[in-house]
């Protein structure tokens, strides 16, 4: 029987490389209890080899470690484990199997998938789109629009340019006298 080292990557049955739970915990910065709980509740299941009973060890791929690190960072940002779980379930229900391939952003409460600078999806609202505005894009758009439109000088109007109020508008006459005076 071939003995495998206690540290570093291990080889799964199909020849894939994996990392034991202890190594995963050290790399990600979580406790073994967290890792075990997340695997048992299918939040992050080891993709190289799951535990199949007493004496077997889970083996995590590099991508699994990336996903574990993302979960840890979301927890550190204040997102509840329940909300993280809902976000990941939403992604999986949409067919996103490789969570290491996407970009997540958070405000500390909810979790969003950032698909592009213009497309952000709230994963806790069932994948509902969120309106995003790229300020740089709006800036360039306004610059382009204004290049075809007239501008007005910011100088104050001279007093003789203020129109005389009509005889029947006493309020307008008072305003004009106040501005002039």
N, C-alpha and C. Protein backbone atom coordinates (compact mmCIF):
# COMPACT_ATOMS: atom_id res chain seq x y z
N UNK A 1 0.84 -1.18 0.00
CA UNK A 1 0.00 0.00 0.00
C UNK A 1 0.88 1.24 0.00
N UNK A 2 0.51 2.25 -0.81
CA UNK A 2 1.30 3.46 -0.99
C UNK A 2 0.93 4.48 0.09
N UNK A 3 1.92 4.95 0.83
CA UNK A 3 1.70 5.97 1.86
C UNK A 3 1.75 7.35 1.23
N UNK A 4 0.77 8.20 1.55
CA UNK A 4 0.77 9.57 1.03
C UNK A 4 1.27 10.49 2.13
N UNK A 5 1.98 11.57 1.76
CA UNK A 5 2.49 12.50 2.77
C UNK A 5 1.34 13.20 3.49
N UNK A 6 1.61 13.67 4.72
CA UNK A 6 0.59 14.37 5.50
C UNK A 6 0.41 15.81 5.06
N UNK A 7 1.41 16.41 4.45
CA UNK A 7 1.34 17.80 4.01
C UNK A 7 1.31 17.86 2.50
N UNK A 8 0.85 18.99 1.96
CA UNK A 8 0.88 19.21 0.52
C UNK A 8 -0.24 18.50 -0.20
N UNK A 9 -0.19 18.55 -1.54
CA UNK A 9 -1.27 17.96 -2.32
C UNK A 9 -1.25 16.44 -2.28
N UNK A 10 -2.44 15.86 -2.37
CA UNK A 10 -2.60 14.42 -2.42
C UNK A 10 -3.25 14.06 -3.74
N UNK A 11 -3.12 12.83 -4.15
CA UNK A 11 -3.68 12.40 -5.43
C UNK A 11 -4.95 11.61 -5.18
N UNK A 12 -6.03 12.02 -5.87
CA UNK A 12 -7.31 11.32 -5.77
C UNK A 12 -7.31 10.07 -6.61
N UNK A 13 -8.42 9.34 -6.56
CA UNK A 13 -8.54 8.08 -7.30
C UNK A 13 -8.37 8.28 -8.81
N UNK A 14 -8.82 9.43 -9.32
CA UNK A 14 -8.74 9.68 -10.76
C UNK A 14 -7.45 10.39 -11.17
N UNK A 15 -6.52 10.53 -10.23
CA UNK A 15 -5.25 11.18 -10.53
C UNK A 15 -5.26 12.67 -10.28
N UNK A 16 -6.40 13.25 -9.88
CA UNK A 16 -6.46 14.68 -9.63
C UNK A 16 -5.77 15.00 -8.30
N UNK A 17 -5.25 16.21 -8.21
CA UNK A 17 -4.53 16.65 -7.01
C UNK A 17 -5.52 17.29 -6.05
N UNK A 18 -5.37 17.00 -4.77
CA UNK A 18 -6.25 17.57 -3.78
C UNK A 18 -5.50 17.88 -2.50
N UNK A 19 -6.15 18.61 -1.63
CA UNK A 19 -5.57 19.04 -0.35
C UNK A 19 -6.45 18.55 0.78
N UNK A 20 -5.82 18.02 1.81
CA UNK A 20 -6.55 17.57 3.00
C UNK A 20 -7.21 18.75 3.69
N UNK A 21 -8.17 18.43 4.54
CA UNK A 21 -8.89 19.46 5.27
C UNK A 21 -8.00 20.36 6.10
N UNK A 22 -7.02 19.79 6.78
CA UNK A 22 -6.13 20.59 7.63
C UNK A 22 -5.36 21.60 6.79
N UNK A 23 -4.90 21.17 5.63
CA UNK A 23 -4.18 22.07 4.73
C UNK A 23 -5.12 23.15 4.21
N UNK A 24 -6.34 22.77 3.85
CA UNK A 24 -7.34 23.73 3.37
C UNK A 24 -7.61 24.80 4.43
N UNK A 25 -7.76 24.37 5.68
CA UNK A 25 -8.02 25.31 6.77
C UNK A 25 -6.89 26.31 6.92
N UNK A 26 -5.67 25.83 6.86
CA UNK A 26 -4.50 26.71 7.00
C UNK A 26 -4.42 27.69 5.83
N UNK A 27 -4.67 27.22 4.62
CA UNK A 27 -4.58 28.07 3.44
C UNK A 27 -5.66 29.16 3.43
N UNK A 28 -6.84 28.81 3.91
CA UNK A 28 -7.99 29.72 3.83
C UNK A 28 -8.11 30.58 5.08
N UNK A 29 -7.66 30.07 6.22
CA UNK A 29 -7.78 30.82 7.47
C UNK A 29 -9.08 30.57 8.20
N UNK A 30 -9.56 29.32 8.15
CA UNK A 30 -10.78 28.94 8.86
C UNK A 30 -10.48 27.77 9.79
N UNK A 31 -11.42 27.49 10.67
CA UNK A 31 -11.24 26.37 11.59
C UNK A 31 -11.69 25.07 10.90
N UNK A 32 -11.20 23.96 11.43
CA UNK A 32 -11.61 22.67 10.87
C UNK A 32 -13.10 22.45 11.10
N UNK A 33 -13.62 22.97 12.20
CA UNK A 33 -15.05 22.85 12.49
C UNK A 33 -15.89 23.54 11.42
N UNK A 34 -15.45 24.75 11.00
CA UNK A 34 -16.15 25.45 9.92
C UNK A 34 -16.10 24.63 8.62
N UNK A 35 -14.92 24.17 8.29
CA UNK A 35 -14.74 23.39 7.06
C UNK A 35 -15.64 22.16 7.05
N UNK A 36 -15.66 21.44 8.15
CA UNK A 36 -16.47 20.24 8.27
C UNK A 36 -17.96 20.58 8.14
N UNK A 37 -18.40 21.64 8.80
CA UNK A 37 -19.80 22.05 8.75
C UNK A 37 -20.20 22.45 7.33
N UNK A 38 -19.34 23.23 6.66
CA UNK A 38 -19.65 23.68 5.31
C UNK A 38 -19.72 22.50 4.34
N UNK A 39 -18.91 21.48 4.56
CA UNK A 39 -18.94 20.29 3.69
C UNK A 39 -20.20 19.46 3.98
N UNK A 40 -20.53 19.25 5.26
CA UNK A 40 -21.69 18.44 5.62
C UNK A 40 -23.00 19.10 5.18
N UNK A 41 -23.03 20.43 5.16
CA UNK A 41 -24.26 21.15 4.76
C UNK A 41 -24.22 21.55 3.28
N UNK A 42 -23.27 21.02 2.55
CA UNK A 42 -23.10 21.20 1.10
C UNK A 42 -22.89 22.64 0.65
N UNK A 43 -22.40 23.49 1.54
CA UNK A 43 -22.05 24.85 1.12
C UNK A 43 -20.85 24.79 0.17
N UNK A 44 -19.79 24.13 0.60
CA UNK A 44 -18.62 23.89 -0.25
C UNK A 44 -18.23 22.44 -0.07
N UNK A 45 -18.53 21.64 -1.08
CA UNK A 45 -18.24 20.21 -1.05
C UNK A 45 -16.91 19.97 -1.76
N UNK A 46 -16.02 19.20 -1.16
CA UNK A 46 -14.73 18.94 -1.82
C UNK A 46 -14.93 18.21 -3.14
N UNK A 47 -14.32 18.72 -4.19
CA UNK A 47 -14.56 18.16 -5.52
C UNK A 47 -13.62 17.02 -5.89
N UNK A 48 -12.49 16.88 -5.20
CA UNK A 48 -11.58 15.78 -5.52
C UNK A 48 -12.08 14.49 -4.88
N UNK A 49 -12.38 14.57 -3.57
CA UNK A 49 -12.92 13.39 -2.89
C UNK A 49 -13.64 13.84 -1.63
N UNK A 50 -14.90 13.43 -1.51
CA UNK A 50 -15.67 13.72 -0.31
C UNK A 50 -15.46 12.57 0.68
N UNK A 51 -15.70 12.82 1.92
CA UNK A 51 -15.60 11.76 2.94
C UNK A 51 -16.73 10.77 2.69
N UNK A 52 -16.39 9.49 2.68
CA UNK A 52 -17.40 8.46 2.41
C UNK A 52 -17.60 7.55 3.61
N UNK A 53 -17.18 7.99 4.76
CA UNK A 53 -17.35 7.19 5.96
C UNK A 53 -16.15 7.35 6.87
N UNK A 54 -16.15 6.61 7.91
CA UNK A 54 -15.08 6.69 8.90
C UNK A 54 -13.74 6.30 8.28
N UNK A 55 -12.75 7.12 8.52
CA UNK A 55 -11.40 6.82 8.03
C UNK A 55 -11.08 7.42 6.67
N UNK A 56 -12.07 7.90 5.93
CA UNK A 56 -11.77 8.54 4.65
C UNK A 56 -11.63 10.04 4.85
N UNK A 57 -10.78 10.65 4.05
CA UNK A 57 -10.55 12.08 4.18
C UNK A 57 -11.02 12.82 2.95
N UNK A 58 -11.57 13.99 3.19
CA UNK A 58 -11.97 14.85 2.09
C UNK A 58 -10.71 15.41 1.43
N UNK A 59 -10.78 15.55 0.11
CA UNK A 59 -9.71 16.20 -0.63
C UNK A 59 -10.30 17.37 -1.41
N UNK A 60 -9.74 18.54 -1.19
CA UNK A 60 -10.21 19.77 -1.82
C UNK A 60 -9.29 20.15 -2.98
N UNK A 61 -9.88 20.60 -4.08
CA UNK A 61 -9.09 21.09 -5.21
C UNK A 61 -8.67 22.53 -4.92
N UNK A 62 -7.78 23.03 -5.75
CA UNK A 62 -7.36 24.43 -5.63
C UNK A 62 -8.57 25.35 -5.79
N UNK A 63 -9.45 25.06 -6.74
CA UNK A 63 -10.65 25.87 -6.96
C UNK A 63 -11.57 25.82 -5.74
N UNK A 64 -11.65 24.67 -5.09
CA UNK A 64 -12.44 24.57 -3.85
C UNK A 64 -11.88 25.54 -2.80
N UNK A 65 -10.56 25.62 -2.73
CA UNK A 65 -9.92 26.52 -1.75
C UNK A 65 -10.25 27.97 -2.08
N UNK A 66 -10.32 28.31 -3.37
CA UNK A 66 -10.69 29.67 -3.77
C UNK A 66 -12.11 29.97 -3.31
N UNK A 67 -13.02 29.04 -3.51
CA UNK A 67 -14.42 29.24 -3.09
C UNK A 67 -14.50 29.36 -1.57
N UNK A 68 -13.75 28.52 -0.86
CA UNK A 68 -13.72 28.62 0.60
C UNK A 68 -13.22 30.00 1.04
N UNK A 69 -12.22 30.53 0.35
CA UNK A 69 -11.67 31.85 0.69
C UNK A 69 -12.71 32.94 0.43
N UNK A 70 -13.48 32.80 -0.64
CA UNK A 70 -14.54 33.77 -0.94
C UNK A 70 -15.59 33.75 0.17
N UNK A 71 -15.99 32.56 0.59
CA UNK A 71 -16.97 32.44 1.68
C UNK A 71 -16.40 33.10 2.94
N UNK A 72 -15.15 32.86 3.23
CA UNK A 72 -14.50 33.45 4.41
C UNK A 72 -14.48 34.98 4.30
N UNK A 73 -14.15 35.50 3.13
CA UNK A 73 -14.11 36.96 2.96
C UNK A 73 -15.50 37.58 3.10
N UNK A 74 -16.52 36.91 2.57
CA UNK A 74 -17.88 37.42 2.74
C UNK A 74 -18.28 37.42 4.21
N UNK A 75 -17.91 36.36 4.94
CA UNK A 75 -18.18 36.34 6.38
C UNK A 75 -17.45 37.48 7.09
N UNK A 76 -16.19 37.69 6.73
CA UNK A 76 -15.40 38.77 7.33
C UNK A 76 -16.00 40.14 7.02
N UNK A 77 -16.68 40.26 5.87
CA UNK A 77 -17.30 41.53 5.47
C UNK A 77 -18.63 41.75 6.18
N UNK A 78 -19.08 40.74 6.94
CA UNK A 78 -20.32 40.90 7.71
C UNK A 78 -21.53 40.21 7.12
N UNK A 79 -21.38 39.53 5.99
CA UNK A 79 -22.50 38.83 5.38
C UNK A 79 -22.77 37.58 6.21
N UNK A 80 -24.03 37.32 6.51
CA UNK A 80 -24.37 36.15 7.31
C UNK A 80 -24.16 34.88 6.50
N UNK A 81 -23.88 33.79 7.19
CA UNK A 81 -23.69 32.51 6.51
C UNK A 81 -24.97 32.11 5.77
N UNK A 82 -26.12 32.43 6.34
CA UNK A 82 -27.40 32.14 5.68
C UNK A 82 -27.49 32.87 4.34
N UNK A 83 -27.09 34.16 4.29
CA UNK A 83 -27.13 34.91 3.04
C UNK A 83 -26.10 34.41 2.04
N UNK A 84 -24.94 34.00 2.53
CA UNK A 84 -23.92 33.42 1.64
C UNK A 84 -24.46 32.14 1.02
N UNK A 85 -25.07 31.32 1.83
CA UNK A 85 -25.64 30.06 1.35
C UNK A 85 -26.71 30.33 0.28
N UNK A 86 -27.60 31.31 0.54
CA UNK A 86 -28.64 31.65 -0.44
C UNK A 86 -28.04 32.14 -1.74
N UNK A 87 -26.99 32.95 -1.65
CA UNK A 87 -26.34 33.47 -2.85
C UNK A 87 -25.74 32.33 -3.67
N UNK A 88 -25.06 31.41 -3.01
CA UNK A 88 -24.43 30.28 -3.71
C UNK A 88 -25.50 29.36 -4.29
N UNK A 89 -26.59 29.14 -3.57
CA UNK A 89 -27.68 28.31 -4.10
C UNK A 89 -28.30 28.95 -5.34
N UNK A 90 -28.44 30.28 -5.34
CA UNK A 90 -28.97 30.98 -6.52
C UNK A 90 -28.04 30.78 -7.71
N UNK A 91 -26.74 30.90 -7.48
CA UNK A 91 -25.79 30.69 -8.57
C UNK A 91 -25.87 29.27 -9.10
N UNK A 92 -25.91 28.31 -8.20
CA UNK A 92 -25.96 26.90 -8.63
C UNK A 92 -27.25 26.59 -9.37
N UNK A 93 -28.37 27.19 -8.94
CA UNK A 93 -29.64 26.94 -9.62
C UNK A 93 -29.63 27.50 -11.04
N UNK A 94 -28.79 28.50 -11.29
CA UNK A 94 -28.65 29.06 -12.63
C UNK A 94 -27.62 28.30 -13.45
N UNK A 95 -27.02 27.26 -12.86
CA UNK A 95 -26.06 26.45 -13.60
C UNK A 95 -24.63 26.89 -13.45
N UNK A 96 -24.33 27.79 -12.51
CA UNK A 96 -22.95 28.21 -12.27
C UNK A 96 -22.33 27.18 -11.33
N UNK A 97 -21.52 26.29 -11.91
CA UNK A 97 -20.88 25.25 -11.10
C UNK A 97 -19.53 25.69 -10.57
N UNK A 98 -18.81 26.48 -11.35
CA UNK A 98 -17.47 26.90 -10.95
C UNK A 98 -17.54 28.30 -10.36
N UNK A 99 -17.70 28.37 -9.05
CA UNK A 99 -17.83 29.67 -8.38
C UNK A 99 -16.54 30.48 -8.45
N UNK A 100 -15.42 29.82 -8.75
CA UNK A 100 -14.14 30.53 -8.85
C UNK A 100 -14.07 31.37 -10.13
N UNK A 101 -15.02 31.20 -11.04
CA UNK A 101 -14.99 31.90 -12.33
C UNK A 101 -15.78 33.21 -12.31
N UNK A 102 -16.44 33.56 -11.21
CA UNK A 102 -17.30 34.73 -11.21
C UNK A 102 -16.77 35.79 -10.25
N UNK A 103 -17.35 36.99 -10.34
CA UNK A 103 -16.97 38.08 -9.45
C UNK A 103 -18.16 38.40 -8.55
N UNK A 104 -17.93 38.34 -7.25
CA UNK A 104 -18.96 38.69 -6.28
C UNK A 104 -18.58 40.00 -5.61
N UNK A 105 -19.59 40.81 -5.33
CA UNK A 105 -19.39 42.03 -4.55
C UNK A 105 -20.44 42.05 -3.46
N UNK A 106 -20.13 42.78 -2.38
CA UNK A 106 -21.07 42.81 -1.26
C UNK A 106 -21.01 44.15 -0.57
N UNK A 107 -22.14 44.52 0.02
CA UNK A 107 -22.20 45.72 0.85
C UNK A 107 -22.20 45.35 2.33
N UNK A 108 -21.90 44.10 2.63
CA UNK A 108 -21.89 43.63 4.01
C UNK A 108 -23.19 42.97 4.41
N UNK A 109 -24.21 43.12 3.60
CA UNK A 109 -25.50 42.50 3.90
C UNK A 109 -25.90 41.54 2.81
N UNK A 110 -25.93 42.04 1.59
CA UNK A 110 -26.35 41.20 0.48
C UNK A 110 -25.14 40.87 -0.39
N UNK A 111 -25.34 39.96 -1.33
CA UNK A 111 -24.26 39.51 -2.21
C UNK A 111 -24.73 39.71 -3.65
N UNK A 112 -23.86 40.32 -4.45
CA UNK A 112 -24.18 40.59 -5.84
C UNK A 112 -23.17 39.86 -6.74
N UNK A 113 -23.66 39.43 -7.89
CA UNK A 113 -22.76 38.90 -8.92
C UNK A 113 -22.54 40.03 -9.92
N UNK A 114 -21.29 40.33 -10.16
CA UNK A 114 -20.94 41.39 -11.11
C UNK A 114 -20.60 40.71 -12.43
N UNK A 115 -21.51 40.81 -13.38
CA UNK A 115 -21.31 40.17 -14.69
C UNK A 115 -20.54 41.07 -15.64
N UNK A 116 -20.73 42.37 -15.52
CA UNK A 116 -20.03 43.37 -16.33
C UNK A 116 -20.16 44.69 -15.59
N UNK A 117 -19.48 45.75 -16.07
CA UNK A 117 -19.64 47.05 -15.39
C UNK A 117 -21.07 47.56 -15.38
N UNK A 118 -21.90 47.10 -16.32
CA UNK A 118 -23.29 47.55 -16.38
C UNK A 118 -24.28 46.56 -15.83
N UNK A 119 -23.87 45.32 -15.58
CA UNK A 119 -24.82 44.29 -15.16
C UNK A 119 -24.42 43.69 -13.82
N UNK A 120 -25.22 43.98 -12.82
CA UNK A 120 -25.01 43.45 -11.47
C UNK A 120 -26.31 42.77 -11.05
N UNK A 121 -26.19 41.58 -10.43
CA UNK A 121 -27.36 40.80 -10.06
C UNK A 121 -27.37 40.58 -8.56
N UNK A 122 -28.50 40.87 -7.92
CA UNK A 122 -28.68 40.64 -6.49
C UNK A 122 -29.00 39.16 -6.29
N UNK A 123 -28.06 38.42 -5.74
CA UNK A 123 -28.23 36.98 -5.60
C UNK A 123 -29.20 36.60 -4.49
N UNK A 124 -29.48 37.50 -3.57
CA UNK A 124 -30.40 37.20 -2.48
C UNK A 124 -31.85 37.49 -2.88
N UNK A 125 -32.04 38.17 -4.00
CA UNK A 125 -33.39 38.44 -4.50
C UNK A 125 -33.69 37.55 -5.70
N UNK A 126 -33.16 36.34 -5.67
CA UNK A 126 -33.44 35.37 -6.73
C UNK A 126 -32.81 35.72 -8.07
N UNK A 127 -31.70 36.45 -8.05
CA UNK A 127 -31.03 36.79 -9.29
C UNK A 127 -31.62 38.00 -9.99
N UNK A 128 -32.30 38.84 -9.24
CA UNK A 128 -32.91 40.05 -9.80
C UNK A 128 -31.81 41.03 -10.20
N UNK A 129 -31.96 41.63 -11.37
CA UNK A 129 -30.99 42.61 -11.84
C UNK A 129 -31.01 43.86 -10.98
N UNK A 130 -29.87 44.46 -10.82
CA UNK A 130 -29.73 45.70 -10.06
C UNK A 130 -29.28 46.76 -11.04
N UNK A 131 -29.88 47.94 -10.94
CA UNK A 131 -29.53 49.02 -11.86
C UNK A 131 -28.17 49.56 -11.48
N UNK A 132 -27.24 49.52 -12.41
CA UNK A 132 -25.90 50.04 -12.17
C UNK A 132 -25.59 51.15 -13.15
N UNK A 133 -24.87 52.13 -12.68
CA UNK A 133 -24.48 53.25 -13.53
C UNK A 133 -22.97 53.34 -13.52
N UNK A 134 -22.37 53.20 -14.69
CA UNK A 134 -20.94 53.39 -14.82
C UNK A 134 -20.71 54.89 -15.01
N UNK A 135 -20.16 55.56 -14.02
CA UNK A 135 -20.02 57.02 -14.04
C UNK A 135 -19.16 57.47 -15.22
N UNK A 136 -18.09 56.74 -15.48
CA UNK A 136 -17.22 57.10 -16.60
C UNK A 136 -17.98 57.08 -17.92
N UNK A 137 -18.86 56.08 -18.09
CA UNK A 137 -19.66 56.00 -19.31
C UNK A 137 -20.63 57.16 -19.42
N UNK A 138 -21.27 57.52 -18.31
CA UNK A 138 -22.20 58.64 -18.31
C UNK A 138 -21.46 59.95 -18.60
N UNK A 139 -20.27 60.10 -18.07
CA UNK A 139 -19.44 61.29 -18.28
C UNK A 139 -19.15 61.46 -19.77
N UNK A 140 -18.69 60.39 -20.42
CA UNK A 140 -18.37 60.45 -21.85
C UNK A 140 -19.61 60.70 -22.69
N UNK A 141 -20.73 60.09 -22.29
CA UNK A 141 -21.98 60.27 -23.02
C UNK A 141 -22.43 61.73 -22.97
N UNK A 142 -22.36 62.35 -21.81
CA UNK A 142 -22.75 63.76 -21.67
C UNK A 142 -21.80 64.66 -22.45
N UNK A 143 -20.50 64.37 -22.39
CA UNK A 143 -19.54 65.17 -23.17
C UNK A 143 -19.89 65.14 -24.64
N UNK A 144 -20.21 63.94 -25.14
CA UNK A 144 -20.58 63.81 -26.55
C UNK A 144 -21.85 64.56 -26.88
N UNK A 145 -22.85 64.50 -26.02
CA UNK A 145 -24.12 65.20 -26.26
C UNK A 145 -23.92 66.70 -26.24
N UNK A 146 -23.12 67.21 -25.30
CA UNK A 146 -22.93 68.65 -25.17
C UNK A 146 -22.12 69.23 -26.32
N UNK A 147 -21.32 68.43 -26.99
CA UNK A 147 -20.52 68.96 -28.10
C UNK A 147 -21.40 69.47 -29.23
N UNK A 148 -22.65 69.05 -29.29
CA UNK A 148 -23.58 69.47 -30.35
C UNK A 148 -24.60 70.50 -29.85
N UNK A 149 -24.54 70.89 -28.58
CA UNK A 149 -25.53 71.78 -28.00
C UNK A 149 -24.89 73.11 -27.59
N UNK A 150 -25.68 74.19 -27.61
CA UNK A 150 -25.11 75.50 -27.22
C UNK A 150 -24.92 75.60 -25.71
N UNK A 151 -23.94 76.40 -25.31
CA UNK A 151 -23.70 76.69 -23.89
C UNK A 151 -24.00 78.15 -23.64
N UNK A 152 -24.32 78.48 -22.42
CA UNK A 152 -24.62 79.86 -22.04
C UNK A 152 -23.51 80.37 -21.13
N UNK A 153 -23.17 81.65 -21.26
CA UNK A 153 -22.14 82.21 -20.36
C UNK A 153 -22.67 82.26 -18.93
N UNK A 154 -21.79 82.10 -17.98
CA UNK A 154 -22.18 82.09 -16.58
C UNK A 154 -22.17 83.49 -15.98
N UNK A 155 -21.92 84.53 -16.80
CA UNK A 155 -21.88 85.91 -16.31
C UNK A 155 -23.29 86.38 -15.96
N UNK A 156 -23.42 87.20 -14.90
CA UNK A 156 -24.76 87.72 -14.56
C UNK A 156 -25.25 88.67 -15.64
N UNK A 157 -26.56 88.75 -15.80
CA UNK A 157 -27.16 89.64 -16.80
C UNK A 157 -27.07 91.08 -16.31
N UNK A 158 -26.79 92.02 -17.23
CA UNK A 158 -26.81 93.44 -16.82
C UNK A 158 -28.24 93.87 -16.48
N UNK A 159 -28.36 94.92 -15.67
CA UNK A 159 -29.68 95.37 -15.21
C UNK A 159 -30.60 95.74 -16.35
N UNK A 160 -30.03 96.28 -17.41
CA UNK A 160 -30.90 96.69 -18.51
C UNK A 160 -31.43 95.49 -19.29
N UNK A 161 -30.90 94.30 -19.02
CA UNK A 161 -31.39 93.10 -19.70
C UNK A 161 -32.57 92.47 -18.98
N UNK A 162 -32.87 92.96 -17.74
CA UNK A 162 -34.00 92.42 -17.00
C UNK A 162 -35.27 92.99 -17.61
N UNK A 163 -36.18 92.14 -18.04
CA UNK A 163 -37.39 92.66 -18.68
C UNK A 163 -38.26 93.42 -17.68
N UNK A 164 -38.91 94.43 -18.19
CA UNK A 164 -39.83 95.21 -17.37
C UNK A 164 -41.07 94.36 -17.08
N UNK A 165 -41.53 94.37 -15.84
CA UNK A 165 -42.74 93.61 -15.53
C UNK A 165 -43.96 94.24 -16.19
N UNK A 166 -44.90 93.39 -16.50
CA UNK A 166 -46.14 93.89 -17.08
C UNK A 166 -46.92 94.60 -15.99
N UNK A 167 -47.76 95.54 -16.38
CA UNK A 167 -48.49 96.36 -15.42
C UNK A 167 -49.41 95.59 -14.51
N UNK A 168 -49.82 94.41 -14.86
CA UNK A 168 -50.79 93.69 -14.04
C UNK A 168 -50.15 92.65 -13.13
N UNK A 169 -48.80 92.60 -13.06
CA UNK A 169 -48.15 91.58 -12.23
C UNK A 169 -47.33 92.28 -11.14
N UNK A 170 -47.98 92.63 -10.03
CA UNK A 170 -47.34 93.35 -8.94
C UNK A 170 -46.21 92.53 -8.29
N UNK A 171 -46.39 91.21 -8.14
CA UNK A 171 -45.37 90.35 -7.52
C UNK A 171 -44.10 90.33 -8.37
N UNK A 172 -44.23 90.22 -9.66
CA UNK A 172 -43.07 90.22 -10.56
C UNK A 172 -42.37 91.57 -10.48
N UNK A 173 -43.12 92.66 -10.37
CA UNK A 173 -42.54 93.99 -10.28
C UNK A 173 -41.71 94.11 -8.99
N UNK A 174 -42.22 93.64 -7.87
CA UNK A 174 -41.48 93.69 -6.60
C UNK A 174 -40.19 92.89 -6.69
N UNK A 175 -40.26 91.68 -7.29
CA UNK A 175 -39.06 90.84 -7.43
C UNK A 175 -38.00 91.55 -8.27
N UNK A 176 -38.42 92.16 -9.35
CA UNK A 176 -37.48 92.85 -10.23
C UNK A 176 -36.83 94.03 -9.50
N UNK A 177 -37.61 94.79 -8.73
CA UNK A 177 -37.05 95.92 -7.97
C UNK A 177 -36.07 95.41 -6.93
N UNK A 178 -36.38 94.28 -6.25
CA UNK A 178 -35.49 93.72 -5.23
C UNK A 178 -34.17 93.30 -5.85
N UNK A 179 -34.21 92.65 -7.02
CA UNK A 179 -32.98 92.22 -7.70
C UNK A 179 -32.16 93.43 -8.14
N UNK A 180 -32.80 94.45 -8.58
CA UNK A 180 -32.09 95.63 -9.10
C UNK A 180 -31.53 96.47 -7.97
N UNK A 181 -32.14 96.41 -6.81
CA UNK A 181 -31.81 97.33 -5.74
C UNK A 181 -30.84 96.87 -4.80
